[in-house]
Amino acid sequence: MNLVEAAAEAQQLAEAGDERALADLRRRWDDEVEAAARDRDYRIRALAFRAIGQFQYRQKLALLERGLGDESPACRGSALVALESLSRDSPGIVNGVRGVLHNLVSADPNEAVRRLAALSLKNGSPQRETIVLLSGIAADDDQPRDVRETAGKIAALLTKKSRRR
């Protein structure tokens, strides 16, 4: 079994709620995920960052944050996919890297990374500065259409969340 297959199995176990089998699989693959996240090849690093989310490795948030700053857009994107997955039921994860996400959504040269950063922000608490930032991006005609649309949707969702408090 390789890392991709193990990560897919981990995702199935997580979805099935089999925490014991997932924990066993995490223990067996812990060193390989760590090594892959530090590999020189961006494709291997991207797989590792994605696997962190699939394995539900909450203890590897520092490694995931490193992925958010990776030179490769593929790695940043994979780290964002994992972050979004891990933060669905834990807004503190997003809140802990909010500044990094703000930088990615507003200044990353890759449009896909910017959209994924906006999507990740939806899982955090509805803080005013995030809503203002996303609303500003949504209203800026100089921004790519997909980025504007995603930012607008997430700003609206966070605004709605903030009113429920």
N, C-alpha and C. Protein backbone atom coordinates (compact mmCIF):
# COMPACT_ATOMS: atom_id res chain seq x y z
N MET A 1 0.85 -1.17 0.00
CA MET A 1 0.00 0.00 0.00
C MET A 1 0.90 1.25 0.00
N ASN A 2 0.54 2.24 -0.83
CA ASN A 2 1.30 3.48 -0.84
C ASN A 2 0.53 4.56 -0.08
N LEU A 3 1.09 5.77 0.00
CA LEU A 3 0.48 6.83 0.79
C LEU A 3 -0.89 7.23 0.25
N VAL A 4 -1.05 7.28 -1.04
CA VAL A 4 -2.35 7.65 -1.63
C VAL A 4 -3.42 6.63 -1.23
N GLU A 5 -3.08 5.36 -1.32
CA GLU A 5 -4.04 4.31 -0.95
C GLU A 5 -4.34 4.34 0.55
N ALA A 6 -3.31 4.55 1.35
CA ALA A 6 -3.51 4.61 2.80
C ALA A 6 -4.38 5.81 3.18
N ALA A 7 -4.16 6.94 2.51
CA ALA A 7 -4.96 8.15 2.79
C ALA A 7 -6.42 7.93 2.40
N ALA A 8 -6.64 7.27 1.27
CA ALA A 8 -8.01 6.97 0.84
C ALA A 8 -8.69 6.05 1.84
N GLU A 9 -7.96 5.06 2.33
CA GLU A 9 -8.51 4.15 3.34
C GLU A 9 -8.82 4.92 4.63
N ALA A 10 -7.91 5.84 5.00
CA ALA A 10 -8.12 6.64 6.21
C ALA A 10 -9.38 7.49 6.07
N GLN A 11 -9.60 8.05 4.90
CA GLN A 11 -10.79 8.86 4.68
C GLN A 11 -12.06 8.01 4.82
N GLN A 12 -12.02 6.81 4.28
CA GLN A 12 -13.17 5.90 4.41
C GLN A 12 -13.43 5.55 5.87
N LEU A 13 -12.38 5.28 6.61
CA LEU A 13 -12.52 4.95 8.03
C LEU A 13 -13.09 6.14 8.81
N ALA A 14 -12.61 7.35 8.48
CA ALA A 14 -13.10 8.55 9.15
C ALA A 14 -14.58 8.76 8.85
N GLU A 15 -14.96 8.58 7.59
CA GLU A 15 -16.36 8.75 7.21
C GLU A 15 -17.25 7.70 7.86
N ALA A 16 -16.71 6.50 8.07
CA ALA A 16 -17.47 5.43 8.70
C ALA A 16 -17.48 5.56 10.23
N GLY A 17 -16.65 6.46 10.75
CA GLY A 17 -16.60 6.65 12.20
C GLY A 17 -15.80 5.60 12.95
N ASP A 18 -14.94 4.89 12.25
CA ASP A 18 -14.13 3.83 12.87
C ASP A 18 -12.84 4.44 13.42
N GLU A 19 -12.96 5.09 14.57
CA GLU A 19 -11.83 5.81 15.16
C GLU A 19 -10.66 4.90 15.53
N ARG A 20 -10.96 3.71 16.00
CA ARG A 20 -9.88 2.80 16.41
C ARG A 20 -9.03 2.38 15.21
N ALA A 21 -9.66 1.96 14.13
CA ALA A 21 -8.91 1.55 12.93
C ALA A 21 -8.18 2.75 12.33
N LEU A 22 -8.81 3.93 12.39
CA LEU A 22 -8.16 5.14 11.87
C LEU A 22 -6.92 5.48 12.69
N ALA A 23 -7.02 5.36 13.99
CA ALA A 23 -5.86 5.62 14.86
C ALA A 23 -4.72 4.64 14.58
N ASP A 24 -5.06 3.38 14.36
CA ASP A 24 -4.03 2.39 14.02
C ASP A 24 -3.35 2.74 12.70
N LEU A 25 -4.15 3.12 11.72
CA LEU A 25 -3.60 3.49 10.41
C LEU A 25 -2.73 4.74 10.53
N ARG A 26 -3.16 5.69 11.33
CA ARG A 26 -2.35 6.91 11.56
C ARG A 26 -0.98 6.54 12.13
N ARG A 27 -0.99 5.67 13.13
CA ARG A 27 0.29 5.28 13.75
C ARG A 27 1.22 4.62 12.74
N ARG A 28 0.66 3.78 11.88
CA ARG A 28 1.49 3.08 10.89
C ARG A 28 2.05 4.03 9.84
N TRP A 29 1.35 5.10 9.52
CA TRP A 29 1.76 5.99 8.43
C TRP A 29 2.33 7.32 8.90
N ASP A 30 2.44 7.53 10.18
CA ASP A 30 2.88 8.81 10.73
C ASP A 30 4.23 9.26 10.16
N ASP A 31 5.23 8.40 10.20
CA ASP A 31 6.57 8.77 9.73
C ASP A 31 6.59 9.03 8.23
N GLU A 32 5.83 8.25 7.47
CA GLU A 32 5.81 8.42 6.02
C GLU A 32 5.17 9.75 5.63
N VAL A 33 4.11 10.13 6.34
CA VAL A 33 3.46 11.42 6.06
C VAL A 33 4.43 12.56 6.38
N GLU A 34 5.09 12.47 7.51
CA GLU A 34 6.08 13.50 7.90
C GLU A 34 7.18 13.62 6.85
N ALA A 35 7.72 12.49 6.43
CA ALA A 35 8.81 12.50 5.44
C ALA A 35 8.32 13.05 4.11
N ALA A 36 7.14 12.65 3.70
CA ALA A 36 6.60 13.11 2.41
C ALA A 36 6.36 14.62 2.43
N ALA A 37 5.94 15.16 3.56
CA ALA A 37 5.70 16.61 3.65
C ALA A 37 6.99 17.42 3.57
N ARG A 38 8.12 16.76 3.77
CA ARG A 38 9.41 17.44 3.69
C ARG A 38 10.20 17.06 2.43
N ASP A 39 9.58 16.30 1.55
CA ASP A 39 10.23 15.84 0.32
C ASP A 39 10.58 17.02 -0.58
N ARG A 40 11.60 16.85 -1.40
CA ARG A 40 12.01 17.90 -2.32
C ARG A 40 11.03 18.05 -3.49
N ASP A 41 10.35 16.97 -3.84
CA ASP A 41 9.41 16.97 -4.96
C ASP A 41 8.06 17.54 -4.50
N TYR A 42 7.63 18.61 -5.15
CA TYR A 42 6.38 19.26 -4.74
C TYR A 42 5.17 18.32 -4.86
N ARG A 43 5.23 17.36 -5.79
CA ARG A 43 4.11 16.44 -5.94
C ARG A 43 3.96 15.54 -4.73
N ILE A 44 5.07 15.11 -4.18
CA ILE A 44 5.06 14.27 -2.98
C ILE A 44 4.57 15.09 -1.79
N ARG A 45 5.05 16.34 -1.68
CA ARG A 45 4.60 17.20 -0.57
C ARG A 45 3.10 17.45 -0.67
N ALA A 46 2.60 17.69 -1.88
CA ALA A 46 1.17 17.94 -2.06
C ALA A 46 0.35 16.73 -1.61
N LEU A 47 0.81 15.54 -1.94
CA LEU A 47 0.13 14.32 -1.48
C LEU A 47 0.11 14.24 0.04
N ALA A 48 1.23 14.58 0.64
CA ALA A 48 1.33 14.51 2.10
C ALA A 48 0.38 15.50 2.77
N PHE A 49 0.32 16.72 2.25
CA PHE A 49 -0.57 17.72 2.86
C PHE A 49 -2.03 17.31 2.72
N ARG A 50 -2.37 16.77 1.58
CA ARG A 50 -3.74 16.28 1.38
C ARG A 50 -4.04 15.11 2.33
N ALA A 51 -3.04 14.23 2.49
CA ALA A 51 -3.21 13.07 3.37
C ALA A 51 -3.45 13.48 4.82
N ILE A 52 -2.86 14.59 5.25
CA ILE A 52 -3.08 15.06 6.63
C ILE A 52 -4.57 15.24 6.89
N GLY A 53 -5.28 15.79 5.92
CA GLY A 53 -6.72 15.95 6.05
C GLY A 53 -7.46 14.62 5.99
N GLN A 54 -7.04 13.76 5.10
CA GLN A 54 -7.71 12.47 4.96
C GLN A 54 -7.52 11.59 6.20
N PHE A 55 -6.34 11.66 6.79
CA PHE A 55 -6.06 10.91 8.01
C PHE A 55 -6.65 11.60 9.25
N GLN A 56 -7.16 12.82 9.08
CA GLN A 56 -7.67 13.61 10.20
C GLN A 56 -6.60 13.80 11.28
N TYR A 57 -5.39 14.15 10.84
CA TYR A 57 -4.24 14.36 11.73
C TYR A 57 -4.32 15.75 12.35
N ARG A 58 -5.08 15.94 13.39
CA ARG A 58 -5.18 17.25 14.04
C ARG A 58 -3.86 17.65 14.72
N GLN A 59 -3.04 16.66 15.07
CA GLN A 59 -1.77 16.97 15.73
C GLN A 59 -0.70 17.45 14.74
N LYS A 60 -1.02 17.51 13.45
CA LYS A 60 -0.04 17.94 12.45
C LYS A 60 -0.39 19.32 11.88
N LEU A 61 -1.02 20.15 12.68
CA LEU A 61 -1.42 21.47 12.20
C LEU A 61 -0.21 22.35 11.87
N ALA A 62 0.88 22.21 12.62
CA ALA A 62 2.08 23.00 12.33
C ALA A 62 2.65 22.61 10.97
N LEU A 63 2.62 21.33 10.67
CA LEU A 63 3.09 20.85 9.37
C LEU A 63 2.17 21.37 8.26
N LEU A 64 0.89 21.39 8.53
CA LEU A 64 -0.08 21.90 7.56
C LEU A 64 0.13 23.39 7.33
N GLU A 65 0.42 24.12 8.38
CA GLU A 65 0.69 25.55 8.25
C GLU A 65 1.93 25.78 7.38
N ARG A 66 2.89 24.89 7.52
CA ARG A 66 4.08 24.97 6.66
C ARG A 66 3.67 24.80 5.19
N GLY A 67 2.71 23.91 4.95
CA GLY A 67 2.21 23.71 3.59
C GLY A 67 1.52 24.94 3.02
N LEU A 68 0.89 25.73 3.89
CA LEU A 68 0.23 26.95 3.43
C LEU A 68 1.24 27.96 2.89
N GLY A 69 2.49 27.85 3.35
CA GLY A 69 3.54 28.76 2.89
C GLY A 69 4.46 28.14 1.85
N ASP A 70 4.14 26.97 1.37
CA ASP A 70 4.99 26.27 0.39
C ASP A 70 5.10 27.08 -0.89
N GLU A 71 6.24 26.92 -1.57
CA GLU A 71 6.46 27.63 -2.83
C GLU A 71 5.56 27.13 -3.95
N SER A 72 5.08 25.93 -3.85
CA SER A 72 4.26 25.33 -4.90
C SER A 72 2.77 25.60 -4.67
N PRO A 73 2.08 26.11 -5.68
CA PRO A 73 0.63 26.30 -5.54
C PRO A 73 -0.10 24.97 -5.29
N ALA A 74 0.41 23.89 -5.85
CA ALA A 74 -0.21 22.58 -5.62
C ALA A 74 -0.14 22.21 -4.14
N CYS A 75 0.97 22.49 -3.51
CA CYS A 75 1.13 22.19 -2.08
C CYS A 75 0.25 23.11 -1.24
N ARG A 76 0.23 24.40 -1.57
CA ARG A 76 -0.63 25.32 -0.83
C ARG A 76 -2.10 24.90 -0.97
N GLY A 77 -2.49 24.52 -2.17
CA GLY A 77 -3.86 24.07 -2.41
C GLY A 77 -4.19 22.81 -1.63
N SER A 78 -3.29 21.85 -1.62
CA SER A 78 -3.52 20.61 -0.88
C SER A 78 -3.61 20.88 0.62
N ALA A 79 -2.76 21.76 1.10
CA ALA A 79 -2.81 22.12 2.52
C ALA A 79 -4.14 22.80 2.85
N LEU A 80 -4.64 23.62 1.95
CA LEU A 80 -5.93 24.29 2.16
C LEU A 80 -7.09 23.29 2.15
N VAL A 81 -7.04 22.32 1.25
CA VAL A 81 -8.08 21.28 1.22
C VAL A 81 -8.09 20.53 2.55
N ALA A 82 -6.91 20.19 3.05
CA ALA A 82 -6.81 19.48 4.33
C ALA A 82 -7.30 20.37 5.48
N LEU A 83 -6.91 21.63 5.46
CA LEU A 83 -7.33 22.56 6.51
C LEU A 83 -8.85 22.71 6.52
N GLU A 84 -9.45 22.83 5.35
CA GLU A 84 -10.90 22.97 5.27
C GLU A 84 -11.57 21.72 5.84
N SER A 85 -11.04 20.56 5.51
CA SER A 85 -11.61 19.30 6.01
C SER A 85 -11.50 19.20 7.53
N LEU A 86 -10.33 19.51 8.06
CA LEU A 86 -10.10 19.40 9.49
C LEU A 86 -10.89 20.42 10.30
N SER A 87 -11.22 21.55 9.70
CA SER A 87 -11.85 22.64 10.45
C SER A 87 -13.37 22.63 10.38
N ARG A 88 -13.96 21.67 9.69
CA ARG A 88 -15.42 21.65 9.55
C ARG A 88 -16.15 21.64 10.88
N ASP A 89 -15.60 20.93 11.85
CA ASP A 89 -16.24 20.90 13.17
C ASP A 89 -15.36 21.53 14.25
N SER A 90 -14.39 22.32 13.81
CA SER A 90 -13.46 22.92 14.76
C SER A 90 -12.98 24.28 14.25
N PRO A 91 -13.75 25.35 14.49
CA PRO A 91 -13.38 26.67 13.97
C PRO A 91 -12.04 27.18 14.49
N GLY A 92 -11.61 26.67 15.62
CA GLY A 92 -10.33 27.11 16.17
C GLY A 92 -9.16 26.85 15.24
N ILE A 93 -9.26 25.84 14.42
CA ILE A 93 -8.18 25.52 13.46
C ILE A 93 -8.02 26.67 12.48
N VAL A 94 -9.14 27.16 11.94
CA VAL A 94 -9.09 28.29 11.00
C VAL A 94 -8.67 29.55 11.75
N ASN A 95 -9.24 29.75 12.93
CA ASN A 95 -8.91 30.96 13.69
C ASN A 95 -7.42 31.04 13.99
N GLY A 96 -6.77 29.89 14.15
CA GLY A 96 -5.34 29.86 14.45
C GLY A 96 -4.45 30.27 13.28
N VAL A 97 -4.96 30.16 12.07
CA VAL A 97 -4.17 30.53 10.88
C VAL A 97 -4.88 31.61 10.05
N ARG A 98 -5.78 32.33 10.68
CA ARG A 98 -6.58 33.34 9.98
C ARG A 98 -5.72 34.35 9.22
N GLY A 99 -4.65 34.83 9.85
CA GLY A 99 -3.78 35.80 9.19
C GLY A 99 -3.16 35.25 7.91
N VAL A 100 -2.73 34.01 7.97
CA VAL A 100 -2.16 33.35 6.79
C VAL A 100 -3.23 33.21 5.70
N LEU A 101 -4.44 32.82 6.11
CA LEU A 101 -5.53 32.68 5.14
C LEU A 101 -5.90 34.02 4.52
N HIS A 102 -5.89 35.08 5.32
CA HIS A 102 -6.16 36.42 4.79
C HIS A 102 -5.13 36.79 3.72
N ASN A 103 -3.87 36.50 4.01
CA ASN A 103 -2.82 36.79 3.02
C ASN A 103 -3.01 35.97 1.74
N LEU A 104 -3.35 34.70 1.90
CA LEU A 104 -3.53 33.84 0.72
C LEU A 104 -4.72 34.30 -0.12
N VAL A 105 -5.84 34.61 0.53
CA VAL A 105 -7.04 34.98 -0.22
C VAL A 105 -6.88 36.33 -0.91
N SER A 106 -6.07 37.20 -0.34
CA SER A 106 -5.94 38.53 -0.92
C SER A 106 -4.74 38.70 -1.85
N ALA A 107 -3.71 37.88 -1.69
CA ALA A 107 -2.48 38.17 -2.43
C ALA A 107 -1.83 36.99 -3.13
N ASP A 108 -2.33 35.77 -2.98
CA ASP A 108 -1.67 34.65 -3.64
C ASP A 108 -1.78 34.81 -5.15
N PRO A 109 -0.70 34.55 -5.88
CA PRO A 109 -0.76 34.70 -7.34
C PRO A 109 -1.60 33.64 -8.05
N ASN A 110 -1.96 32.57 -7.34
CA ASN A 110 -2.73 31.49 -7.95
C ASN A 110 -4.21 31.63 -7.58
N GLU A 111 -5.07 31.72 -8.58
CA GLU A 111 -6.51 31.90 -8.33
C GLU A 111 -7.13 30.74 -7.56
N ALA A 112 -6.74 29.52 -7.88
CA ALA A 112 -7.31 28.36 -7.19
C ALA A 112 -6.95 28.41 -5.71
N VAL A 113 -5.74 28.79 -5.39
CA VAL A 113 -5.32 28.89 -3.99
C VAL A 113 -6.15 29.97 -3.29
N ARG A 114 -6.38 31.08 -3.97
CA ARG A 114 -7.18 32.16 -3.38
C ARG A 114 -8.61 31.68 -3.08
N ARG A 115 -9.21 30.95 -4.01
CA ARG A 115 -10.57 30.43 -3.79
C ARG A 115 -10.60 29.43 -2.64
N LEU A 116 -9.60 28.54 -2.60
CA LEU A 116 -9.55 27.56 -1.52
C LEU A 116 -9.34 28.23 -0.16
N ALA A 117 -8.55 29.29 -0.13
CA ALA A 117 -8.36 30.03 1.13
C ALA A 117 -9.68 30.64 1.59
N ALA A 118 -10.45 31.20 0.65
CA ALA A 118 -11.76 31.76 1.00
C ALA A 118 -12.68 30.66 1.52
N LEU A 119 -12.68 29.51 0.87
CA LEU A 119 -13.52 28.40 1.31
C LEU A 119 -13.13 27.94 2.72
N SER A 120 -11.85 27.95 3.02
CA SER A 120 -11.40 27.55 4.35
C SER A 120 -11.88 28.52 5.42
N LEU A 121 -11.94 29.81 5.06
CA LEU A 121 -12.37 30.82 6.02
C LEU A 121 -13.82 30.63 6.47
N LYS A 122 -14.62 29.95 5.68
CA LYS A 122 -16.04 29.74 6.04
C LYS A 122 -16.18 28.91 7.31
N ASN A 123 -15.17 28.10 7.63
CA ASN A 123 -15.26 27.24 8.80
C ASN A 123 -14.80 27.92 10.09
N GLY A 124 -14.28 29.12 9.98
CA GLY A 124 -13.83 29.84 11.17
C GLY A 124 -14.97 30.63 11.78
N SER A 125 -14.67 31.28 12.88
CA SER A 125 -15.70 32.13 13.48
C SER A 125 -15.87 33.37 12.59
N PRO A 126 -17.07 33.95 12.59
CA PRO A 126 -17.37 35.07 11.68
C PRO A 126 -16.81 36.40 12.19
N GLN A 127 -15.52 36.58 12.02
CA GLN A 127 -14.89 37.80 12.50
C GLN A 127 -15.05 38.92 11.48
N ARG A 128 -15.24 40.11 12.00
CA ARG A 128 -15.52 41.28 11.16
C ARG A 128 -14.45 41.50 10.10
N GLU A 129 -13.18 41.41 10.48
CA GLU A 129 -12.11 41.70 9.51
C GLU A 129 -12.13 40.72 8.33
N THR A 130 -12.53 39.50 8.58
CA THR A 130 -12.64 38.51 7.49
C THR A 130 -13.79 38.87 6.57
N ILE A 131 -14.92 39.23 7.15
CA ILE A 131 -16.09 39.60 6.34
C ILE A 131 -15.78 40.84 5.50
N VAL A 132 -15.12 41.82 6.09
CA VAL A 132 -14.76 43.05 5.35
C VAL A 132 -13.79 42.72 4.22
N LEU A 133 -12.79 41.92 4.51
CA LEU A 133 -11.81 41.53 3.48
C LEU A 133 -12.50 40.82 2.31
N LEU A 134 -13.31 39.81 2.62
CA LEU A 134 -13.97 39.04 1.57
C LEU A 134 -14.97 39.90 0.79
N SER A 135 -15.68 40.77 1.48
CA SER A 135 -16.62 41.67 0.80
C SER A 135 -15.89 42.61 -0.14
N GLY A 136 -14.74 43.09 0.30
CA GLY A 136 -13.93 43.97 -0.56
C GLY A 136 -13.44 43.25 -1.81
N ILE A 137 -13.01 42.03 -1.66
CA ILE A 137 -12.57 41.23 -2.82
C ILE A 137 -13.74 41.00 -3.75
N ALA A 138 -14.90 40.69 -3.18
CA ALA A 138 -16.10 40.42 -3.99
C ALA A 138 -16.52 41.64 -4.79
N ALA A 139 -16.28 42.83 -4.27
CA ALA A 139 -16.70 44.06 -4.94
C ALA A 139 -15.64 44.62 -5.89
N ASP A 140 -14.46 44.03 -5.92
CA ASP A 140 -13.35 44.54 -6.73
C ASP A 140 -13.39 43.95 -8.13
N ASP A 141 -13.75 44.76 -9.11
CA ASP A 141 -13.85 44.30 -10.50
C ASP A 141 -12.51 43.89 -11.10
N ASP A 142 -11.42 44.27 -10.45
CA ASP A 142 -10.10 43.87 -10.94
C ASP A 142 -9.75 42.44 -10.55
N GLN A 143 -10.52 41.86 -9.64
CA GLN A 143 -10.27 40.48 -9.21
C GLN A 143 -10.89 39.52 -10.22
N PRO A 144 -10.32 38.34 -10.37
CA PRO A 144 -10.92 37.32 -11.26
C PRO A 144 -12.35 36.98 -10.80
N ARG A 145 -13.21 36.71 -11.75
CA ARG A 145 -14.63 36.45 -11.47
C ARG A 145 -14.83 35.33 -10.46
N ASP A 146 -14.13 34.21 -10.62
CA ASP A 146 -14.30 33.08 -9.69
C ASP A 146 -13.90 33.45 -8.26
N VAL A 147 -12.84 34.23 -8.13
CA VAL A 147 -12.40 34.65 -6.80
C VAL A 147 -13.44 35.59 -6.20
N ARG A 148 -13.94 36.54 -7.00
CA ARG A 148 -14.98 37.47 -6.51
C ARG A 148 -16.22 36.72 -6.05
N GLU A 149 -16.67 35.77 -6.87
CA GLU A 149 -17.89 35.02 -6.53
C GLU A 149 -17.72 34.22 -5.25
N THR A 150 -16.60 33.53 -5.12
CA THR A 150 -16.35 32.73 -3.93
C THR A 150 -16.26 33.62 -2.70
N ALA A 151 -15.52 34.72 -2.82
CA ALA A 151 -15.37 35.65 -1.69
C ALA A 151 -16.73 36.20 -1.27
N GLY A 152 -17.57 36.55 -2.24
CA GLY A 152 -18.89 37.08 -1.95
C GLY A 152 -19.77 36.07 -1.23
N LYS A 153 -19.74 34.83 -1.69
CA LYS A 153 -20.55 33.78 -1.05
C LYS A 153 -20.11 33.52 0.39
N ILE A 154 -18.81 33.48 0.60
CA ILE A 154 -18.30 33.21 1.94
C ILE A 154 -18.55 34.40 2.86
N ALA A 155 -18.40 35.63 2.34
CA ALA A 155 -18.71 36.82 3.15
C ALA A 155 -20.18 36.80 3.57
N ALA A 156 -21.07 36.46 2.65
CA ALA A 156 -22.51 36.40 2.97
C ALA A 156 -22.78 35.31 4.03
N LEU A 157 -22.14 34.16 3.88
CA LEU A 157 -22.32 33.07 4.84
C LEU A 157 -21.83 33.47 6.23
N LEU A 158 -20.66 34.12 6.29
CA LEU A 158 -20.11 34.54 7.58
C LEU A 158 -20.97 35.65 8.20
N THR A 159 -21.51 36.53 7.37
CA THR A 159 -22.40 37.58 7.88
C THR A 159 -23.64 36.94 8.50
N LYS A 160 -24.20 35.97 7.81
CA LYS A 160 -25.37 35.26 8.32
C LYS A 160 -25.05 34.55 9.65
N LYS A 161 -23.87 33.91 9.69
CA LYS A 161 -23.42 33.24 10.92
C LYS A 161 -23.30 34.23 12.07
N SER A 162 -22.75 35.41 11.79
CA SER A 162 -22.52 36.40 12.84
C SER A 162 -23.84 36.92 13.41
N ARG A 163 -24.88 36.94 12.62
CA ARG A 163 -26.19 37.42 13.09
C ARG A 163 -26.89 36.40 13.96
N ARG A 164 -26.52 35.13 13.83
CA ARG A 164 -27.12 34.06 14.65
C ARG A 164 -26.55 34.03 16.05
N ARG A 165 -25.45 34.68 16.28
CA ARG A 165 -24.78 34.66 17.58
C ARG A 165 -25.53 35.40 18.62
